[in-house]
Amino acid sequence: MITISGIKLDNRIESSEKFQSILTKYGCIIKTRLGVHPNKNGTCSNTGIILLEIEEDASALKKELEQFWEIQSMNFD
């Protein structure tokens, strides 16, 4: 199964260290990571969406991320 998860970071700058720590913990199951955040007049926004492609059971990762951020997922067989 392949899972695509989107995580919304409302305080991207302040929460990046904690977020990165969690992703590092589960790094072996994350195949692709893509970060998107608005850029207004050359200034990075403090909000963003991170997309993750996960090829294994992502329930533990999702449970940990949900404690701090909004997460939505799509699953493909």
N, C-alpha and C. Protein backbone atom coordinates (compact mmCIF):
# COMPACT_ATOMS: atom_id res chain seq x y z
N MET A 1 0.84 -1.18 0.00
CA MET A 1 0.00 0.00 0.00
C MET A 1 0.89 1.24 0.00
N ILE A 2 0.45 2.26 -0.72
CA ILE A 2 1.12 3.55 -0.74
C ILE A 2 0.19 4.57 -0.11
N THR A 3 0.73 5.36 0.80
CA THR A 3 -0.03 6.43 1.45
C THR A 3 0.58 7.76 1.08
N ILE A 4 -0.28 8.71 0.68
CA ILE A 4 0.14 10.09 0.49
C ILE A 4 -0.50 10.89 1.61
N SER A 5 0.32 11.51 2.43
CA SER A 5 -0.18 12.30 3.55
C SER A 5 0.19 13.76 3.37
N GLY A 6 -0.76 14.62 3.70
CA GLY A 6 -0.52 16.06 3.70
C GLY A 6 -0.61 16.56 5.13
N ILE A 7 0.42 17.27 5.56
CA ILE A 7 0.47 17.80 6.92
C ILE A 7 0.50 19.31 6.83
N LYS A 8 -0.44 19.97 7.53
CA LYS A 8 -0.50 21.43 7.53
C LYS A 8 0.26 21.96 8.74
N LEU A 9 1.29 22.76 8.47
CA LEU A 9 2.07 23.38 9.54
C LEU A 9 1.66 24.84 9.63
N ASP A 10 1.00 25.21 10.73
CA ASP A 10 0.56 26.59 10.91
C ASP A 10 1.68 27.50 11.39
N ASN A 11 2.58 26.99 12.17
CA ASN A 11 3.73 27.76 12.65
C ASN A 11 4.99 27.09 12.14
N ARG A 12 5.17 27.15 10.83
CA ARG A 12 6.23 26.41 10.16
C ARG A 12 7.61 26.70 10.75
N ILE A 13 7.92 27.94 10.96
CA ILE A 13 9.25 28.31 11.45
C ILE A 13 9.46 27.81 12.88
N GLU A 14 8.45 27.99 13.74
CA GLU A 14 8.58 27.60 15.13
C GLU A 14 8.53 26.08 15.34
N SER A 15 7.82 25.37 14.48
CA SER A 15 7.64 23.93 14.70
C SER A 15 8.54 23.05 13.83
N SER A 16 9.40 23.65 13.03
CA SER A 16 10.19 22.87 12.09
C SER A 16 11.14 21.87 12.76
N GLU A 17 11.71 22.23 13.89
CA GLU A 17 12.64 21.32 14.57
C GLU A 17 11.94 20.07 15.07
N LYS A 18 10.79 20.24 15.72
CA LYS A 18 10.00 19.10 16.22
C LYS A 18 9.52 18.23 15.05
N PHE A 19 9.02 18.90 14.01
CA PHE A 19 8.53 18.20 12.83
C PHE A 19 9.64 17.36 12.20
N GLN A 20 10.81 17.97 12.01
CA GLN A 20 11.94 17.26 11.40
C GLN A 20 12.37 16.08 12.26
N SER A 21 12.33 16.22 13.56
CA SER A 21 12.69 15.14 14.47
C SER A 21 11.78 13.93 14.27
N ILE A 22 10.48 14.18 14.13
CA ILE A 22 9.52 13.09 13.92
C ILE A 22 9.77 12.43 12.56
N LEU A 23 9.98 13.24 11.52
CA LEU A 23 10.23 12.65 10.20
C LEU A 23 11.51 11.83 10.18
N THR A 24 12.53 12.28 10.88
CA THR A 24 13.78 11.53 10.95
C THR A 24 13.57 10.18 11.61
N LYS A 25 12.75 10.15 12.65
CA LYS A 25 12.44 8.91 13.36
C LYS A 25 11.82 7.87 12.42
N TYR A 26 11.00 8.33 11.46
CA TYR A 26 10.31 7.44 10.53
C TYR A 26 10.90 7.50 9.11
N GLY A 27 12.10 8.00 9.00
CA GLY A 27 12.72 8.23 7.69
C GLY A 27 12.80 7.02 6.78
N CYS A 28 12.91 5.83 7.34
CA CYS A 28 13.04 4.63 6.51
C CYS A 28 11.77 4.28 5.75
N ILE A 29 10.60 4.76 6.19
CA ILE A 29 9.36 4.44 5.48
C ILE A 29 8.89 5.58 4.57
N ILE A 30 9.56 6.74 4.63
CA ILE A 30 9.17 7.88 3.81
C ILE A 30 9.96 7.83 2.50
N LYS A 31 9.24 7.67 1.40
CA LYS A 31 9.89 7.58 0.10
C LYS A 31 10.10 8.97 -0.51
N THR A 32 9.10 9.85 -0.40
CA THR A 32 9.17 11.19 -0.99
C THR A 32 8.65 12.21 0.00
N ARG A 33 9.29 13.37 0.01
CA ARG A 33 8.86 14.49 0.86
C ARG A 33 8.89 15.74 0.00
N LEU A 34 7.77 16.49 0.03
CA LEU A 34 7.66 17.71 -0.74
C LEU A 34 7.04 18.79 0.14
N GLY A 35 7.71 19.91 0.26
CA GLY A 35 7.19 21.02 1.05
C GLY A 35 6.70 22.15 0.16
N VAL A 36 5.52 22.66 0.45
CA VAL A 36 4.97 23.79 -0.30
C VAL A 36 4.52 24.85 0.71
N HIS A 37 4.91 26.08 0.45
CA HIS A 37 4.45 27.17 1.30
C HIS A 37 4.34 28.42 0.44
N PRO A 38 3.35 29.25 0.77
CA PRO A 38 3.15 30.48 0.00
C PRO A 38 4.34 31.43 0.15
N ASN A 39 4.59 32.17 -0.91
CA ASN A 39 5.63 33.19 -0.90
C ASN A 39 4.97 34.48 -1.38
N LYS A 40 4.85 35.45 -0.50
CA LYS A 40 4.20 36.70 -0.84
C LYS A 40 5.23 37.82 -0.88
N ASN A 41 5.41 38.41 -2.05
CA ASN A 41 6.35 39.52 -2.22
C ASN A 41 7.75 39.18 -1.74
N GLY A 42 8.20 37.96 -2.01
CA GLY A 42 9.55 37.55 -1.63
C GLY A 42 9.72 37.15 -0.18
N THR A 43 8.63 37.08 0.58
CA THR A 43 8.69 36.71 1.99
C THR A 43 8.03 35.34 2.20
N CYS A 44 8.75 34.43 2.81
CA CYS A 44 8.20 33.11 3.10
C CYS A 44 7.09 33.20 4.13
N SER A 45 6.02 32.48 3.89
CA SER A 45 4.91 32.41 4.83
C SER A 45 5.28 31.50 6.00
N ASN A 46 4.63 31.68 7.12
CA ASN A 46 4.85 30.83 8.28
C ASN A 46 3.92 29.62 8.28
N THR A 47 3.14 29.44 7.22
CA THR A 47 2.30 28.26 7.07
C THR A 47 2.79 27.46 5.88
N GLY A 48 2.51 26.18 5.90
CA GLY A 48 2.93 25.36 4.78
C GLY A 48 2.29 23.99 4.83
N ILE A 49 2.41 23.29 3.72
CA ILE A 49 1.91 21.92 3.60
C ILE A 49 3.10 21.04 3.24
N ILE A 50 3.24 19.94 3.93
CA ILE A 50 4.26 18.95 3.61
C ILE A 50 3.54 17.71 3.09
N LEU A 51 3.94 17.23 1.93
CA LEU A 51 3.38 16.01 1.35
C LEU A 51 4.40 14.88 1.51
N LEU A 52 3.93 13.75 2.01
CA LEU A 52 4.78 12.59 2.20
C LEU A 52 4.23 11.40 1.44
N GLU A 53 5.10 10.67 0.75
CA GLU A 53 4.74 9.40 0.13
C GLU A 53 5.34 8.31 1.01
N ILE A 54 4.48 7.43 1.51
CA ILE A 54 4.90 6.40 2.45
C ILE A 54 4.50 5.04 1.89
N GLU A 55 5.44 4.11 1.83
CA GLU A 55 5.19 2.81 1.20
C GLU A 55 4.83 1.70 2.18
N GLU A 56 4.85 1.97 3.44
CA GLU A 56 4.52 0.95 4.44
C GLU A 56 3.42 1.46 5.34
N ASP A 57 3.09 0.70 6.35
CA ASP A 57 2.07 1.12 7.32
C ASP A 57 2.52 2.42 7.98
N ALA A 58 1.71 3.46 7.82
CA ALA A 58 2.06 4.78 8.34
C ALA A 58 1.28 5.14 9.59
N SER A 59 0.61 4.18 10.22
CA SER A 59 -0.26 4.50 11.35
C SER A 59 0.51 5.11 12.53
N ALA A 60 1.69 4.61 12.85
CA ALA A 60 2.46 5.16 13.97
C ALA A 60 2.92 6.58 13.67
N LEU A 61 3.39 6.81 12.45
CA LEU A 61 3.81 8.16 12.04
C LEU A 61 2.63 9.12 12.09
N LYS A 62 1.51 8.70 11.52
CA LYS A 62 0.31 9.55 11.50
C LYS A 62 -0.14 9.88 12.92
N LYS A 63 -0.15 8.90 13.80
CA LYS A 63 -0.58 9.11 15.19
C LYS A 63 0.30 10.15 15.88
N GLU A 64 1.60 10.07 15.65
CA GLU A 64 2.51 11.02 16.27
C GLU A 64 2.34 12.44 15.69
N LEU A 65 2.18 12.55 14.39
CA LEU A 65 2.00 13.86 13.76
C LEU A 65 0.69 14.52 14.17
N GLU A 66 -0.37 13.70 14.32
CA GLU A 66 -1.69 14.23 14.67
C GLU A 66 -1.73 14.91 16.04
N GLN A 67 -0.77 14.62 16.88
CA GLN A 67 -0.71 15.26 18.19
C GLN A 67 -0.43 16.76 18.07
N PHE A 68 0.19 17.18 16.97
CA PHE A 68 0.63 18.56 16.83
C PHE A 68 0.06 19.28 15.61
N TRP A 69 -0.26 18.54 14.54
CA TRP A 69 -0.65 19.16 13.27
C TRP A 69 -1.84 18.46 12.64
N GLU A 70 -2.50 19.18 11.76
CA GLU A 70 -3.58 18.61 10.96
C GLU A 70 -2.96 17.74 9.87
N ILE A 71 -3.51 16.53 9.70
CA ILE A 71 -3.00 15.62 8.69
C ILE A 71 -4.16 14.97 7.95
N GLN A 72 -4.02 14.85 6.64
CA GLN A 72 -5.00 14.16 5.81
C GLN A 72 -4.25 13.19 4.91
N SER A 73 -4.86 12.04 4.64
CA SER A 73 -4.18 10.99 3.90
C SER A 73 -5.03 10.38 2.81
N MET A 74 -4.35 9.86 1.79
CA MET A 74 -4.95 9.06 0.72
C MET A 74 -4.19 7.75 0.68
N ASN A 75 -4.89 6.65 0.50
CA ASN A 75 -4.25 5.33 0.44
C ASN A 75 -4.52 4.69 -0.91
N PHE A 76 -3.49 4.06 -1.47
CA PHE A 76 -3.57 3.37 -2.75
C PHE A 76 -3.04 1.94 -2.58
N ASP A 77 -3.76 0.97 -3.14
CA ASP A 77 -3.29 -0.41 -3.09
C ASP A 77 -2.27 -0.67 -4.17
